Amino acid sequence: MCTLAIYFQLFRDYPVVIAANRDEYLARPATSPEILAEKPRVIGGKDLKAGGTWLGINEYSLVAGLLNRHNQGAPDPARRSRGLLCLEALRYRTAGEALDYVRRQNGSAYNPFNLLLVSRGEALVAYNQSGLIATARLEPGLHLLTNLDVDDFECPKISRAYDRFAALARDPEFAANPLQERARLRELLADHATQLDSRSAAPNAICLHLDGYGTRSSSMIFFGAGGQVASYLFAPGPPCVTEYAPAAIPTA
């Protein structure tokens, strides 16, 4: 289960802060952020098996982040890659335009997913469940997204994780400059104790280590006061043992 936290319009100088871990089979090939498209320019990690992305940014500072959604049974390998849809959403200028495109898709063509779309002043989520695509608009605040609905407080483990991210947001030093204080955000992404979904039979910590499966990479994205992406940091491994380095930010 991947984990994505977003602080939306909470901090004056950093109106969007995204912190995300990607959990995947260790043998599935993927790249660190690279150029995925030119018109518009898109940068993100590339899934070398299906060709899409799980997290990308385009030259208009639109961010798209994909999480597989919980489903009974195994995913259908005959369905279209969800990562390709995430990449296609990054053709647009705004989250609203991208969401309109996603809404027009046939949900039955894809396995279940959650797709976060964020641009200046707008944060939206598209859910694909049982072949139907539903949407939600995020209000200013902290939100957590995993393989269920955003801020799924029916799960006590999500509630605990939310409280830890919320406590960090209330800290004056972090709120004044999340980018400078990013090491404290990394501590939360590197946590092995917080179980995010008690309904899962397998261990499901934020930073996950299982046999053949676990946290493959981690990203932190910071929008500046002007509403554009100011910093994109990427760790090509689990954040508990892997340092983050700046990734390229696409420009026109």
Protein backbone atom coordinates (compact mmCIF):
# COMPACT_ATOMS: atom_id res chain seq x y z
CA MET A 1 0.00 0.00 0.00
CA CYS A 2 1.44 3.37 -0.98
CA THR A 3 1.07 6.36 1.31
CA LEU A 4 0.58 9.99 0.30
CA ALA A 5 0.17 12.94 2.64
CA ILE A 6 -0.68 16.44 1.43
CA TYR A 7 -0.64 19.69 3.38
CA PHE A 8 -2.94 21.84 1.27
CA GLN A 9 -3.02 25.62 1.84
CA LEU A 10 -1.80 25.30 5.43
CA PHE A 11 1.52 27.14 5.21
CA ARG A 12 1.81 30.70 3.89
CA ASP A 13 5.05 30.28 1.93
CA TYR A 14 4.47 26.66 0.93
CA PRO A 15 0.80 26.29 -0.04
CA VAL A 16 1.24 22.64 -1.08
CA VAL A 17 3.53 20.07 0.52
CA ILE A 18 3.29 16.47 -0.69
CA ALA A 19 5.07 13.56 0.99
CA ALA A 20 4.70 10.13 -0.60
CA ASN A 21 6.09 6.61 -0.34
CA ARG A 22 5.74 4.16 -3.22
CA ASP A 23 5.26 0.53 -2.23
CA GLU A 24 5.77 -2.03 -4.98
CA TYR A 25 7.24 -5.42 -5.79
CA LEU A 26 11.01 -5.11 -5.55
CA ALA A 27 11.54 -6.91 -8.85
CA ARG A 28 9.31 -4.54 -10.85
CA PRO A 29 11.68 -2.31 -12.85
CA ALA A 30 11.37 1.46 -12.56
CA THR A 31 13.48 4.60 -12.97
CA SER A 32 14.14 7.64 -10.86
CA PRO A 33 12.44 10.85 -12.11
CA GLU A 34 13.19 11.52 -15.76
CA ILE A 35 11.60 13.30 -18.72
CA LEU A 36 8.44 11.38 -19.61
CA ALA A 37 6.94 13.75 -22.18
CA GLU A 38 7.88 16.99 -23.94
CA LYS A 39 4.64 18.80 -24.85
CA PRO A 40 4.02 19.66 -22.11
CA ARG A 41 7.24 18.64 -20.39
CA VAL A 42 6.61 16.03 -17.72
CA ILE A 43 9.08 14.65 -15.19
CA GLY A 44 8.43 11.65 -12.99
CA GLY A 45 9.43 8.11 -12.18
CA LYS A 46 8.79 5.60 -14.97
CA ASP A 47 7.35 2.13 -14.54
CA LEU A 48 9.40 0.14 -17.03
CA LYS A 49 6.93 -2.76 -17.09
CA ALA A 50 3.81 -0.84 -18.16
CA GLY A 51 5.30 2.50 -19.23
CA GLY A 52 3.35 4.86 -16.98
CA THR A 53 4.16 6.76 -13.81
CA TRP A 54 3.04 6.74 -10.18
CA LEU A 55 3.99 10.38 -9.53
CA GLY A 56 4.75 13.15 -12.00
CA ILE A 57 4.94 16.93 -12.42
CA ASN A 58 4.41 18.91 -15.61
CA GLU A 59 5.68 22.31 -16.69
CA TYR A 60 2.48 23.99 -15.45
CA SER A 61 3.13 22.68 -11.91
CA LEU A 62 0.36 20.12 -12.10
CA VAL A 63 1.15 17.12 -9.91
CA ALA A 64 -0.49 13.71 -10.41
CA GLY A 65 -0.02 10.90 -7.91
CA LEU A 66 -1.43 7.40 -8.39
CA LEU A 67 -2.20 4.84 -5.69
CA ASN A 68 -3.64 1.40 -6.30
CA ARG A 69 -6.97 1.00 -4.55
CA HIS A 70 -7.92 -1.92 -2.31
CA ASN A 71 -9.83 -4.59 -4.18
CA GLN A 72 -11.10 -8.08 -3.47
CA GLY A 73 -8.93 -10.47 -5.42
CA ALA A 74 -5.92 -9.95 -7.65
CA PRO A 75 -5.77 -7.14 -10.23
CA ASP A 76 -6.76 -8.07 -13.78
CA PRO A 77 -3.59 -8.02 -15.92
CA ALA A 78 -5.67 -7.56 -19.08
CA ARG A 79 -6.84 -4.11 -18.03
CA ARG A 80 -5.07 -0.92 -19.10
CA SER A 81 -2.19 0.41 -17.02
CA ARG A 82 -3.29 2.86 -14.34
CA GLY A 83 0.12 4.52 -14.59
CA LEU A 84 -0.57 5.40 -18.23
CA LEU A 85 -3.73 7.24 -17.14
CA CYS A 86 -1.69 9.14 -14.54
CA LEU A 87 0.76 10.14 -17.27
CA GLU A 88 -2.05 11.21 -19.59
CA ALA A 89 -3.56 13.41 -16.88
CA LEU A 90 -0.30 15.37 -16.88
CA ARG A 91 -1.04 16.69 -20.38
CA TYR A 92 -3.28 19.36 -18.84
CA ARG A 93 -2.65 22.75 -17.26
CA THR A 94 -4.77 22.43 -14.14
CA ALA A 95 -6.09 19.79 -11.78
CA GLY A 96 -9.63 20.59 -12.88
CA GLU A 97 -8.85 20.04 -16.55
CA ALA A 98 -7.05 16.79 -15.75
CA LEU A 99 -9.96 15.59 -13.64
CA ASP A 100 -12.39 16.28 -16.49
CA TYR A 101 -10.26 14.01 -18.68
CA VAL A 102 -10.15 11.24 -16.06
CA ARG A 103 -13.92 11.45 -15.54
CA ARG A 104 -14.46 10.71 -19.23
CA GLN A 105 -12.63 7.40 -19.00
CA ASN A 106 -14.27 4.01 -18.72
CA GLY A 107 -13.53 2.94 -15.16
CA SER A 108 -14.02 -0.71 -16.08
CA ALA A 109 -10.98 -0.51 -18.34
CA TYR A 110 -8.73 -0.07 -15.28
CA ASN A 111 -8.14 -1.86 -12.03
CA PRO A 112 -9.22 0.20 -8.98
CA PHE A 113 -7.16 3.32 -8.26
CA ASN A 114 -6.96 6.60 -6.38
CA LEU A 115 -5.54 9.50 -8.39
CA LEU A 116 -4.53 12.76 -6.72
CA LEU A 117 -4.40 15.87 -8.93
CA VAL A 118 -2.94 19.09 -7.55
CA SER A 119 -2.29 22.45 -9.15
CA ARG A 120 -2.24 26.04 -7.92
CA GLY A 121 -5.18 26.48 -5.55
CA GLU A 122 -6.82 23.15 -6.37
CA ALA A 123 -6.48 19.59 -5.01
CA LEU A 124 -8.75 16.83 -6.34
CA VAL A 125 -9.01 13.05 -6.08
CA ALA A 126 -10.50 10.60 -8.57
CA TYR A 127 -11.53 7.21 -7.20
CA ASN A 128 -12.07 4.23 -9.47
CA GLN A 129 -14.01 1.55 -7.63
CA SER A 130 -16.20 -1.18 -9.14
CA GLY A 131 -15.76 0.41 -12.56
CA LEU A 132 -17.18 3.77 -11.48
CA ILE A 133 -15.07 6.94 -11.24
CA ALA A 134 -16.07 9.23 -8.37
CA THR A 135 -14.36 12.47 -7.37
CA ALA A 136 -13.63 14.52 -4.29
CA ARG A 137 -12.36 18.06 -3.76
CA LEU A 138 -9.89 18.53 -0.91
CA GLU A 139 -10.48 21.43 1.42
CA PRO A 140 -7.53 23.32 2.92
CA GLY A 141 -5.85 21.18 5.56
CA LEU A 142 -3.98 17.92 5.95
CA HIS A 143 -5.12 14.86 4.03
CA LEU A 144 -3.88 11.25 3.90
CA LEU A 145 -4.47 8.97 0.95
CA THR A 146 -3.68 5.25 0.80
CA ASN A 147 -5.62 2.45 -0.89
CA LEU A 148 -9.04 3.54 0.43
CA ASP A 149 -10.90 6.85 0.52
CA VAL A 150 -8.98 9.97 1.49
CA ASP A 151 -8.82 10.42 5.29
CA ASP A 152 -10.39 7.03 6.01
CA PHE A 153 -10.86 7.48 9.76
CA GLU A 154 -12.77 4.23 10.11
CA CYS A 155 -9.34 2.67 10.31
CA PRO A 156 -7.75 3.47 13.71
CA LYS A 157 -4.28 3.09 12.28
CA ILE A 158 -4.92 5.86 9.74
CA SER A 159 -6.11 8.03 12.59
CA ARG A 160 -2.80 7.56 14.40
CA ALA A 161 -0.79 8.39 11.29
CA TYR A 162 -2.94 11.46 10.68
CA ASP A 163 -2.30 12.70 14.19
CA ARG A 164 1.46 12.48 13.69
CA PHE A 165 1.38 14.43 10.43
CA ALA A 166 -1.02 16.94 12.01
CA ALA A 167 1.25 17.45 15.01
CA LEU A 168 4.11 18.30 12.68
CA ALA A 169 1.96 20.89 10.90
CA ARG A 170 1.24 22.60 14.23
CA ASP A 171 4.94 23.01 15.00
CA PRO A 172 5.86 26.69 14.38
CA GLU A 173 9.29 25.93 12.95
CA PHE A 174 7.95 23.39 10.47
CA ALA A 175 5.00 25.60 9.51
CA ALA A 176 7.34 28.55 8.85
CA ASN A 177 9.56 26.60 6.47
CA PRO A 178 8.61 22.98 5.70
CA LEU A 179 11.34 22.71 3.08
CA GLN A 180 14.05 23.64 5.54
CA GLU A 181 12.53 21.29 8.14
CA ARG A 182 12.03 18.43 5.69
CA ALA A 183 14.12 16.02 7.78
CA ARG A 184 11.22 15.89 10.22
CA LEU A 185 8.84 14.99 7.42
CA ARG A 186 11.24 12.26 6.39
CA GLU A 187 11.03 10.80 9.91
CA LEU A 188 7.31 10.22 9.42
CA LEU A 189 7.82 8.66 5.98
CA ALA A 190 10.51 6.38 7.47
CA ASP A 191 8.27 5.14 10.29
CA HIS A 192 8.06 1.37 10.71
CA ALA A 193 5.60 1.32 13.60
CA THR A 194 2.46 3.02 12.31
CA GLN A 195 0.21 0.43 10.71
CA LEU A 196 -1.99 2.17 8.15
CA ASP A 197 -4.67 -0.45 7.62
CA SER A 198 -5.66 -2.90 10.33
CA ARG A 199 -7.91 -4.66 7.80
CA SER A 200 -4.86 -5.96 5.95
CA ALA A 201 -3.48 -9.36 6.98
CA ALA A 202 0.09 -8.30 6.13
CA PRO A 203 2.17 -5.70 7.98
CA ASN A 204 1.51 -2.28 6.48
CA ALA A 205 3.79 0.32 8.04
CA ILE A 206 4.37 3.65 6.29
CA CYS A 207 7.90 2.47 5.45
CA LEU A 208 7.34 -1.16 4.54
CA HIS A 209 9.80 -4.03 4.33
CA LEU A 210 8.48 -7.44 3.31
CA ASP A 211 9.95 -10.37 1.41
CA GLY A 212 9.96 -9.23 -2.22
CA TYR A 213 7.73 -6.22 -1.60
CA GLY A 214 8.06 -2.91 0.18
CA THR A 215 8.75 0.80 -0.03
CA ARG A 216 10.67 1.28 -3.26
CA SER A 217 11.04 5.06 -3.27
CA SER A 218 9.94 8.24 -1.58
CA SER A 219 9.20 11.77 -2.77
CA MET A 220 8.66 15.22 -1.27
CA ILE A 221 7.23 18.06 -3.34
CA PHE A 222 7.00 21.69 -2.20
CA PHE A 223 5.03 24.42 -3.96
CA GLY A 224 6.36 27.94 -3.41
CA ALA A 225 4.35 31.02 -2.50
CA GLY A 226 3.73 31.78 -6.18
CA GLY A 227 1.89 28.49 -6.65
CA GLN A 228 4.64 26.77 -8.67
CA VAL A 229 6.68 23.72 -7.70
CA ALA A 230 9.74 25.03 -5.87
CA SER A 231 11.42 21.75 -4.91
CA TYR A 232 11.07 18.08 -5.88
CA LEU A 233 13.11 15.68 -3.74
CA PHE A 234 13.41 11.98 -4.49
CA ALA A 235 14.86 9.01 -2.61
CA PRO A 236 15.40 5.94 -4.85
CA GLY A 237 14.85 3.57 -1.95
CA PRO A 238 13.11 3.39 1.43
CA PRO A 239 13.46 6.70 3.30
CA CYS A 240 14.71 4.98 6.45
CA VAL A 241 18.05 4.27 4.74
CA THR A 242 18.06 6.36 1.52
CA GLU A 243 18.93 10.03 1.18
CA TYR A 244 16.78 12.39 -0.85
CA ALA A 245 18.30 14.35 -3.72
CA PRO A 246 16.83 17.12 -5.87
CA ALA A 247 15.01 15.96 -8.97
CA ALA A 248 14.54 18.17 -11.99
CA ILE A 249 11.52 20.48 -12.08
CA PRO A 250 10.00 20.75 -15.56
CA THR A 251 9.83 24.19 -17.13
CA ALA A 252 8.29 25.31 -20.40
